Amino acid sequence: MRIEEFEFEEEKTLSNLADLLVEIAEQIRAGEKLELPMPTLQEGIIEIPLGEPIETGIEVTIRRQFIHVDFSLSWRKRPVEGT
């Protein structure tokens, strides 16, 4: 599966969100790959190879009804064998 750009939003409880963030943190600590869920309308996972260093960013936007906190992580792509 080749995915150039992938985005989705999903509502989660605080506990579900904490579980997801802990799972992502454990995968990053292991350092091999990051497996992220597909949106609810599609089955499967997205598997992304990790690399170092990881650049991080946090953006906070406060609106009348919502607070948005966007985390971003970026790293160089590893060379893929056979391409």
PDB file of N, CA and C in Angstrom:
ATOM      1  N   MET A   1       0.856  -1.168   0.000  1.00  0.00           N
ATOM      2  CA  MET A   1       0.000   0.000   0.000  1.00  0.00           C
ATOM      3  C   MET A   1       0.902   1.231   0.000  1.00  0.00           C
ATOM      4  N   ARG A   2       0.672   2.113  -0.946  1.00  0.00           N
ATOM      5  CA  ARG A   2       1.450   3.354  -1.018  1.00  0.00           C
ATOM      6  C   ARG A   2       0.532   4.510  -0.656  1.00  0.00           C
ATOM      7  N   ILE A   3       0.928   5.251   0.317  1.00  0.00           N
ATOM      8  CA  ILE A   3       0.114   6.373   0.777  1.00  0.00           C
ATOM      9  C   ILE A   3       0.981   7.621   0.748  1.00  0.00           C
ATOM     10  N   GLU A   4       0.625   8.581  -0.086  1.00  0.00           N
ATOM     11  CA  GLU A   4       1.385   9.821  -0.172  1.00  0.00           C
ATOM     12  C   GLU A   4       1.027  10.759   0.969  1.00  0.00           C
ATOM     13  N   GLU A   5      -0.260  10.884   1.232  1.00  0.00           N
ATOM     14  CA  GLU A   5      -0.702  11.764   2.302  1.00  0.00           C
ATOM     15  C   GLU A   5      -1.916  11.129   2.954  1.00  0.00           C
ATOM     16  N   PHE A   6      -1.947  11.150   4.270  1.00  0.00           N
ATOM     17  CA  PHE A   6      -3.017  10.466   4.979  1.00  0.00           C
ATOM     18  C   PHE A   6      -3.372  11.276   6.206  1.00  0.00           C
ATOM     19  N   GLU A   7      -4.621  11.608   6.350  1.00  0.00           N
ATOM     20  CA  GLU A   7      -5.081  12.375   7.502  1.00  0.00           C
ATOM     21  C   GLU A   7      -6.450  11.890   7.910  1.00  0.00           C
ATOM     22  N   PHE A   8      -6.699  11.863   9.200  1.00  0.00           N
ATOM     23  CA  PHE A   8      -8.058  11.619   9.655  1.00  0.00           C
ATOM     24  C   PHE A   8      -8.219  12.127  11.067  1.00  0.00           C
ATOM     25  N   GLU A   9      -9.440  12.381  11.420  1.00  0.00           N
ATOM     26  CA  GLU A   9      -9.768  12.800  12.774  1.00  0.00           C
ATOM     27  C   GLU A   9     -10.767  11.812  13.334  1.00  0.00           C
ATOM     28  N   GLU A  10     -10.658  11.557  14.631  1.00  0.00           N
ATOM     29  CA  GLU A  10     -11.548  10.604  15.271  1.00  0.00           C
ATOM     30  C   GLU A  10     -11.727  11.028  16.724  1.00  0.00           C
ATOM     31  N   GLU A  11     -12.946  10.973  17.215  1.00  0.00           N
ATOM     32  CA  GLU A  11     -13.186  11.294  18.616  1.00  0.00           C
ATOM     33  C   GLU A  11     -12.814  10.095  19.481  1.00  0.00           C
ATOM     34  N   LYS A  12     -12.145  10.358  20.593  1.00  0.00           N
ATOM     35  CA  LYS A  12     -11.762   9.311  21.532  1.00  0.00           C
ATOM     36  C   LYS A  12     -12.033   9.804  22.944  1.00  0.00           C
ATOM     37  N   THR A  13     -12.243   8.876  23.852  1.00  0.00           N
ATOM     38  CA  THR A  13     -12.331   9.261  25.263  1.00  0.00           C
ATOM     39  C   THR A  13     -10.912   9.592  25.736  1.00  0.00           C
ATOM     40  N   LEU A  14     -10.798  10.226  26.897  1.00  0.00           N
ATOM     41  CA  LEU A  14      -9.474  10.534  27.438  1.00  0.00           C
ATOM     42  C   LEU A  14      -8.659   9.261  27.644  1.00  0.00           C
ATOM     43  N   SER A  15      -9.299   8.207  28.133  1.00  0.00           N
ATOM     44  CA  SER A  15      -8.607   6.951  28.357  1.00  0.00           C
ATOM     45  C   SER A  15      -8.128   6.334  27.039  1.00  0.00           C
ATOM     46  N   ASN A  16      -8.986   6.343  26.006  1.00  0.00           N
ATOM     47  CA  ASN A  16      -8.599   5.810  24.697  1.00  0.00           C
ATOM     48  C   ASN A  16      -7.434   6.601  24.104  1.00  0.00           C
ATOM     49  N   LEU A  17      -7.489   7.915  24.251  1.00  0.00           N
ATOM     50  CA  LEU A  17      -6.414   8.763  23.737  1.00  0.00           C
ATOM     51  C   LEU A  17      -5.108   8.460  24.462  1.00  0.00           C
ATOM     52  N   ALA A  18      -5.173   8.319  25.782  1.00  0.00           N
ATOM     53  CA  ALA A  18      -3.969   8.002  26.554  1.00  0.00           C
ATOM     54  C   ALA A  18      -3.380   6.665  26.118  1.00  0.00           C
ATOM     55  N   ASP A  19      -4.233   5.669  25.898  1.00  0.00           N
ATOM     56  CA  ASP A  19      -3.766   4.359  25.434  1.00  0.00           C
ATOM     57  C   ASP A  19      -3.061   4.477  24.084  1.00  0.00           C
ATOM     58  N   LEU A  20      -3.656   5.248  23.160  1.00  0.00           N
ATOM     59  CA  LEU A  20      -3.057   5.424  21.841  1.00  0.00           C
ATOM     60  C   LEU A  20      -1.697   6.103  21.944  1.00  0.00           C
ATOM     61  N   LEU A  21      -1.586   7.159  22.760  1.00  0.00           N
ATOM     62  CA  LEU A  21      -0.320   7.872  22.898  1.00  0.00           C
ATOM     63  C   LEU A  21       0.754   7.003  23.550  1.00  0.00           C
ATOM     64  N   VAL A  22       0.366   6.184  24.534  1.00  0.00           N
ATOM     65  CA  VAL A  22       1.322   5.263  25.166  1.00  0.00           C
ATOM     66  C   VAL A  22       1.803   4.240  24.138  1.00  0.00           C
ATOM     67  N   GLU A  23       0.885   3.709  23.346  1.00  0.00           N
ATOM     68  CA  GLU A  23       1.254   2.731  22.310  1.00  0.00           C
ATOM     69  C   GLU A  23       2.216   3.347  21.300  1.00  0.00           C
ATOM     70  N   ILE A  24       1.944   4.573  20.869  1.00  0.00           N
ATOM     71  CA  ILE A  24       2.841   5.258  19.928  1.00  0.00           C
ATOM     72  C   ILE A  24       4.208   5.480  20.568  1.00  0.00           C
ATOM     73  N   ALA A  25       4.232   5.905  21.842  1.00  0.00           N
ATOM     74  CA  ALA A  25       5.494   6.137  22.547  1.00  0.00           C
ATOM     75  C   ALA A  25       6.315   4.852  22.633  1.00  0.00           C
ATOM     76  N   GLU A  26       5.669   3.725  22.922  1.00  0.00           N
ATOM     77  CA  GLU A  26       6.380   2.450  23.013  1.00  0.00           C
ATOM     78  C   GLU A  26       6.969   2.048  21.667  1.00  0.00           C
ATOM     79  N   GLN A  27       6.226   2.282  20.593  1.00  0.00           N
ATOM     80  CA  GLN A  27       6.728   1.958  19.266  1.00  0.00           C
ATOM     81  C   GLN A  27       7.920   2.843  18.896  1.00  0.00           C
ATOM     82  N   ILE A  28       7.857   4.128  19.248  1.00  0.00           N
ATOM     83  CA  ILE A  28       8.970   5.036  18.970  1.00  0.00           C
ATOM     84  C   ILE A  28      10.199   4.616  19.772  1.00  0.00           C
ATOM     85  N   ARG A  29       9.995   4.245  21.043  1.00  0.00           N
ATOM     86  CA  ARG A  29      11.118   3.807  21.878  1.00  0.00           C
ATOM     87  C   ARG A  29      11.776   2.561  21.276  1.00  0.00           C
ATOM     88  N   ALA A  30      10.988   1.627  20.748  1.00  0.00           N
ATOM     89  CA  ALA A  30      11.536   0.420  20.117  1.00  0.00           C
ATOM     90  C   ALA A  30      12.329   0.782  18.861  1.00  0.00           C
ATOM     91  N   GLY A  31      11.904   1.849  18.162  1.00  0.00           N
ATOM     92  CA  GLY A  31      12.692   2.398  17.071  1.00  0.00           C
ATOM     93  C   GLY A  31      12.634   1.704  15.734  1.00  0.00           C
ATOM     94  N   GLU A  32      11.760   0.759  15.534  1.00  0.00           N
ATOM     95  CA  GLU A  32      11.701   0.052  14.255  1.00  0.00           C
ATOM     96  C   GLU A  32      10.687   0.661  13.300  1.00  0.00           C
ATOM     97  N   LYS A  33       9.433   0.659  13.720  1.00  0.00           N
ATOM     98  CA  LYS A  33       8.360   1.142  12.848  1.00  0.00           C
ATOM     99  C   LYS A  33       7.231   1.684  13.711  1.00  0.00           C
ATOM    100  N   LEU A  34       6.389   2.468  13.085  1.00  0.00           N
ATOM    101  CA  LEU A  34       5.228   3.042  13.743  1.00  0.00           C
ATOM    102  C   LEU A  34       4.002   2.511  13.017  1.00  0.00           C
ATOM    103  N   GLU A  35       3.113   1.835  13.753  1.00  0.00           N
ATOM    104  CA  GLU A  35       1.883   1.311  13.169  1.00  0.00           C
ATOM    105  C   GLU A  35       0.727   2.173  13.650  1.00  0.00           C
ATOM    106  N   LEU A  36       0.040   2.788  12.703  1.00  0.00           N
ATOM    107  CA  LEU A  36      -1.067   3.688  13.026  1.00  0.00           C
ATOM    108  C   LEU A  36      -2.365   3.146  12.450  1.00  0.00           C
ATOM    109  N   PRO A  37      -3.483   3.340  13.164  1.00  0.00           N
ATOM    110  CA  PRO A  37      -4.758   2.820  12.668  1.00  0.00           C
ATOM    111  C   PRO A  37      -5.261   3.580  11.457  1.00  0.00           C
ATOM    112  N   MET A  38      -5.942   2.862  10.572  1.00  0.00           N
ATOM    113  CA  MET A  38      -6.620   3.488   9.443  1.00  0.00           C
ATOM    114  C   MET A  38      -7.884   4.147   9.973  1.00  0.00           C
ATOM    115  N   PRO A  39      -8.485   5.047   9.200  1.00  0.00           N
ATOM    116  CA  PRO A  39      -9.742   5.632   9.650  1.00  0.00           C
ATOM    117  C   PRO A  39     -10.813   4.561   9.816  1.00  0.00           C
ATOM    118  N   THR A  40     -11.856   4.886  10.539  1.00  0.00           N
ATOM    119  CA  THR A  40     -12.868   3.896  10.876  1.00  0.00           C
ATOM    120  C   THR A  40     -13.567   3.310   9.654  1.00  0.00           C
ATOM    121  N   LEU A  41     -13.580   3.996   8.540  1.00  0.00           N
ATOM    122  CA  LEU A  41     -14.254   3.480   7.348  1.00  0.00           C
ATOM    123  C   LEU A  41     -13.379   2.515   6.551  1.00  0.00           C
ATOM    124  N   GLN A  42     -12.102   2.383   6.907  1.00  0.00           N
ATOM    125  CA  GLN A  42     -11.201   1.486   6.206  1.00  0.00           C
ATOM    126  C   GLN A  42     -10.570   0.539   7.205  1.00  0.00           C
ATOM    127  N   GLU A  43     -10.233  -0.656   6.756  1.00  0.00           N
ATOM    128  CA  GLU A  43      -9.611  -1.637   7.629  1.00  0.00           C
ATOM    129  C   GLU A  43      -8.095  -1.576   7.484  1.00  0.00           C
ATOM    130  N   GLY A  44      -7.408  -2.049   8.503  1.00  0.00           N
ATOM    131  CA  GLY A  44      -5.964  -2.188   8.422  1.00  0.00           C
ATOM    132  C   GLY A  44      -5.209  -1.136   9.196  1.00  0.00           C
ATOM    133  N   ILE A  45      -3.884  -1.127   8.975  1.00  0.00           N
ATOM    134  CA  ILE A  45      -3.007  -0.184   9.637  1.00  0.00           C
ATOM    135  C   ILE A  45      -2.054   0.414   8.618  1.00  0.00           C
ATOM    136  N   ILE A  46      -1.482   1.536   8.981  1.00  0.00           N
ATOM    137  CA  ILE A  46      -0.417   2.149   8.188  1.00  0.00           C
ATOM    138  C   ILE A  46       0.877   1.854   8.927  1.00  0.00           C
ATOM    139  N   GLU A  47       1.852   1.282   8.244  1.00  0.00           N
ATOM    140  CA  GLU A  47       3.131   0.948   8.846  1.00  0.00           C
ATOM    141  C   GLU A  47       4.191   1.882   8.281  1.00  0.00           C
ATOM    142  N   ILE A  48       4.836   2.648   9.171  1.00  0.00           N
ATOM    143  CA  ILE A  48       5.800   3.660   8.754  1.00  0.00           C
ATOM    144  C   ILE A  48       7.149   3.346   9.390  1.00  0.00           C
ATOM    145  N   PRO A  49       8.221   3.233   8.584  1.00  0.00           N
ATOM    146  CA  PRO A  49       9.541   2.997   9.179  1.00  0.00           C
ATOM    147  C   PRO A  49      10.020   4.246   9.913  1.00  0.00           C
ATOM    148  N   LEU A  50      10.609   4.056  11.093  1.00  0.00           N
ATOM    149  CA  LEU A  50      11.119   5.171  11.881  1.00  0.00           C
ATOM    150  C   LEU A  50      12.584   5.430  11.560  1.00  0.00           C
ATOM    151  N   GLY A  51      13.019   6.635  11.816  1.00  0.00           N
ATOM    152  CA  GLY A  51      14.417   7.013  11.659  1.00  0.00           C
ATOM    153  C   GLY A  51      14.744   8.114  12.646  1.00  0.00           C
ATOM    154  N   GLU A  52      16.039   8.444  12.740  1.00  0.00           N
ATOM    155  CA  GLU A  52      16.465   9.515  13.646  1.00  0.00           C
ATOM    156  C   GLU A  52      17.181  10.575  12.845  1.00  0.00           C
ATOM    157  N   PRO A  53      17.261  11.781  13.288  1.00  0.00           N
ATOM    158  CA  PRO A  53      16.565  12.352  14.434  1.00  0.00           C
ATOM    159  C   PRO A  53      15.109  12.636  14.092  1.00  0.00           C
ATOM    160  N   ILE A  54      14.276  12.759  15.107  1.00  0.00           N
ATOM    161  CA  ILE A  54      12.867  13.072  14.901  1.00  0.00           C
ATOM    162  C   ILE A  54      12.640  14.525  15.290  1.00  0.00           C
ATOM    163  N   GLU A  55      12.175  15.306  14.325  1.00  0.00           N
ATOM    164  CA  GLU A  55      11.821  16.689  14.604  1.00  0.00           C
ATOM    165  C   GLU A  55      10.407  16.703  15.171  1.00  0.00           C
ATOM    166  N   THR A  56      10.178  17.549  16.160  1.00  0.00           N
ATOM    167  CA  THR A  56       8.866  17.606  16.790  1.00  0.00           C
ATOM    168  C   THR A  56       8.307  19.018  16.730  1.00  0.00           C
ATOM    169  N   GLY A  57       6.998  19.101  16.709  1.00  0.00           N
ATOM    170  CA  GLY A  57       6.333  20.399  16.726  1.00  0.00           C
ATOM    171  C   GLY A  57       5.002  20.284  17.434  1.00  0.00           C
ATOM    172  N   ILE A  58       4.621  21.348  18.111  1.00  0.00           N
ATOM    173  CA  ILE A  58       3.320  21.415  18.766  1.00  0.00           C
ATOM    174  C   ILE A  58       2.698  22.754  18.419  1.00  0.00           C
ATOM    175  N   GLU A  59       1.451  22.711  17.956  1.00  0.00           N
ATOM    176  CA  GLU A  59       0.729  23.926  17.613  1.00  0.00           C
ATOM    177  C   GLU A  59      -0.573  23.942  18.409  1.00  0.00           C
ATOM    178  N   VAL A  60      -0.847  25.047  19.084  1.00  0.00           N
ATOM    179  CA  VAL A  60      -2.066  25.181  19.877  1.00  0.00           C
ATOM    180  C   VAL A  60      -2.901  26.316  19.292  1.00  0.00           C
ATOM    181  N   THR A  61      -4.180  26.017  19.014  1.00  0.00           N
ATOM    182  CA  THR A  61      -5.114  27.014  18.517  1.00  0.00           C
ATOM    183  C   THR A  61      -6.327  27.023  19.439  1.00  0.00           C
ATOM    184  N   ILE A  62      -6.666  28.184  19.958  1.00  0.00           N
ATOM    185  CA  ILE A  62      -7.809  28.298  20.854  1.00  0.00           C
ATOM    186  C   ILE A  62      -8.912  29.053  20.133  1.00  0.00           C
ATOM    187  N   ARG A  63     -10.068  28.410  19.997  1.00  0.00           N
ATOM    188  CA  ARG A  63     -11.240  28.988  19.353  1.00  0.00           C
ATOM    189  C   ARG A  63     -12.342  29.152  20.391  1.00  0.00           C
ATOM    190  N   ARG A  64     -13.482  29.636  19.963  1.00  0.00           N
ATOM    191  CA  ARG A  64     -14.602  29.826  20.905  1.00  0.00           C
ATOM    192  C   ARG A  64     -15.056  28.515  21.529  1.00  0.00           C
ATOM    193  N   GLN A  65     -15.255  27.489  20.706  1.00  0.00           N
ATOM    194  CA  GLN A  65     -15.825  26.228  21.188  1.00  0.00           C
ATOM    195  C   GLN A  65     -14.778  25.127  21.403  1.00  0.00           C
ATOM    196  N   PHE A  66     -13.622  25.225  20.757  1.00  0.00           N
ATOM    197  CA  PHE A  66     -12.652  24.130  20.780  1.00  0.00           C
ATOM    198  C   PHE A  66     -11.239  24.635  21.038  1.00  0.00           C
ATOM    199  N   ILE A  67     -10.426  23.745  21.561  1.00  0.00           N
ATOM    200  CA  ILE A  67      -8.984  23.948  21.641  1.00  0.00           C
ATOM    201  C   ILE A  67      -8.364  22.858  20.774  1.00  0.00           C
ATOM    202  N   HIS A  68      -7.530  23.233  19.836  1.00  0.00           N
ATOM    203  CA  HIS A  68      -6.845  22.275  18.963  1.00  0.00           C
ATOM    204  C   HIS A  68      -5.379  22.222  19.367  1.00  0.00           C
ATOM    205  N   VAL A  69      -4.876  21.011  19.610  1.00  0.00           N
ATOM    206  CA  VAL A  69      -3.453  20.795  19.858  1.00  0.00           C
ATOM    207  C   VAL A  69      -2.979  19.819  18.795  1.00  0.00           C
ATOM    208  N   ASP A  70      -2.108  20.277  17.926  1.00  0.00           N
ATOM    209  CA  ASP A  70      -1.588  19.443  16.846  1.00  0.00           C
ATOM    210  C   ASP A  70      -0.125  19.104  17.135  1.00  0.00           C
ATOM    211  N   PHE A  71       0.179  17.804  17.167  1.00  0.00           N
ATOM    212  CA  PHE A  71       1.549  17.332  17.324  1.00  0.00           C
ATOM    213  C   PHE A  71       2.058  16.927  15.950  1.00  0.00           C
ATOM    214  N   SER A  72       3.279  17.262  15.658  1.00  0.00           N
ATOM    215  CA  SER A  72       3.866  16.790  14.410  1.00  0.00           C
ATOM    216  C   SER A  72       5.221  16.161  14.690  1.00  0.00           C
ATOM    217  N   LEU A  73       5.488  15.063  14.018  1.00  0.00           N
ATOM    218  CA  LEU A  73       6.760  14.363  14.094  1.00  0.00           C
ATOM    219  C   LEU A  73       7.264  14.199  12.671  1.00  0.00           C
ATOM    220  N   SER A  74       8.543  14.400  12.437  1.00  0.00           N
ATOM    221  CA  SER A  74       9.080  14.169  11.095  1.00  0.00           C
ATOM    222  C   SER A  74      10.511  13.660  11.192  1.00  0.00           C
ATOM    223  N   TRP A  75      10.858  12.790  10.253  1.00  0.00           N
ATOM    224  CA  TRP A  75      12.192  12.221  10.181  1.00  0.00           C
ATOM    225  C   TRP A  75      12.480  11.844   8.743  1.00  0.00           C
ATOM    226  N   ARG A  76      13.741  11.657   8.443  1.00  0.00           N
ATOM    227  CA  ARG A  76      14.135  11.306   7.067  1.00  0.00           C
ATOM    228  C   ARG A  76      13.691   9.878   6.748  1.00  0.00           C
ATOM    229  N   LYS A  77      13.265   9.697   5.506  1.00  0.00           N
ATOM    230  CA  LYS A  77      12.878   8.358   5.068  1.00  0.00           C
ATOM    231  C   LYS A  77      14.136   7.499   4.931  1.00  0.00           C
ATOM    232  N   ARG A  78      14.008   6.254   5.373  1.00  0.00           N
ATOM    233  CA  ARG A  78      15.093   5.292   5.160  1.00  0.00           C
ATOM    234  C   ARG A  78      15.041   4.839   3.715  1.00  0.00           C
ATOM    235  N   PRO A  79      16.178   4.537   3.118  1.00  0.00           N
ATOM    236  CA  PRO A  79      16.152   3.957   1.777  1.00  0.00           C
ATOM    237  C   PRO A  79      15.411   2.623   1.798  1.00  0.00           C
ATOM    238  N   VAL A  80      14.545   2.420   0.818  1.00  0.00           N
ATOM    239  CA  VAL A  80      13.779   1.181   0.723  1.00  0.00           C
ATOM    240  C   VAL A  80      14.510   0.239  -0.232  1.00  0.00           C
ATOM    241  N   GLU A  81      14.735  -0.979   0.230  1.00  0.00           N
ATOM    242  CA  GLU A  81      15.428  -1.955  -0.602  1.00  0.00           C
ATOM    243  C   GLU A  81      14.610  -2.290  -1.840  1.00  0.00           C
ATOM    244  N   GLY A  82      15.301  -2.390  -2.977  1.00  0.00           N
ATOM    245  CA  GLY A  82      14.628  -2.779  -4.210  1.00  0.00           C
ATOM    246  C   GLY A  82      14.030  -1.626  -4.990  1.00  0.00           C
ATOM    247  N   THR A  83      14.206  -0.385  -4.517  1.00  0.00           N
ATOM    248  CA  THR A  83      13.675   0.760  -5.280  1.00  0.00           C
ATOM    249  C   THR A  83      14.779   1.714  -5.630  1.00  0.00           C
TER     250      THR A  83
END
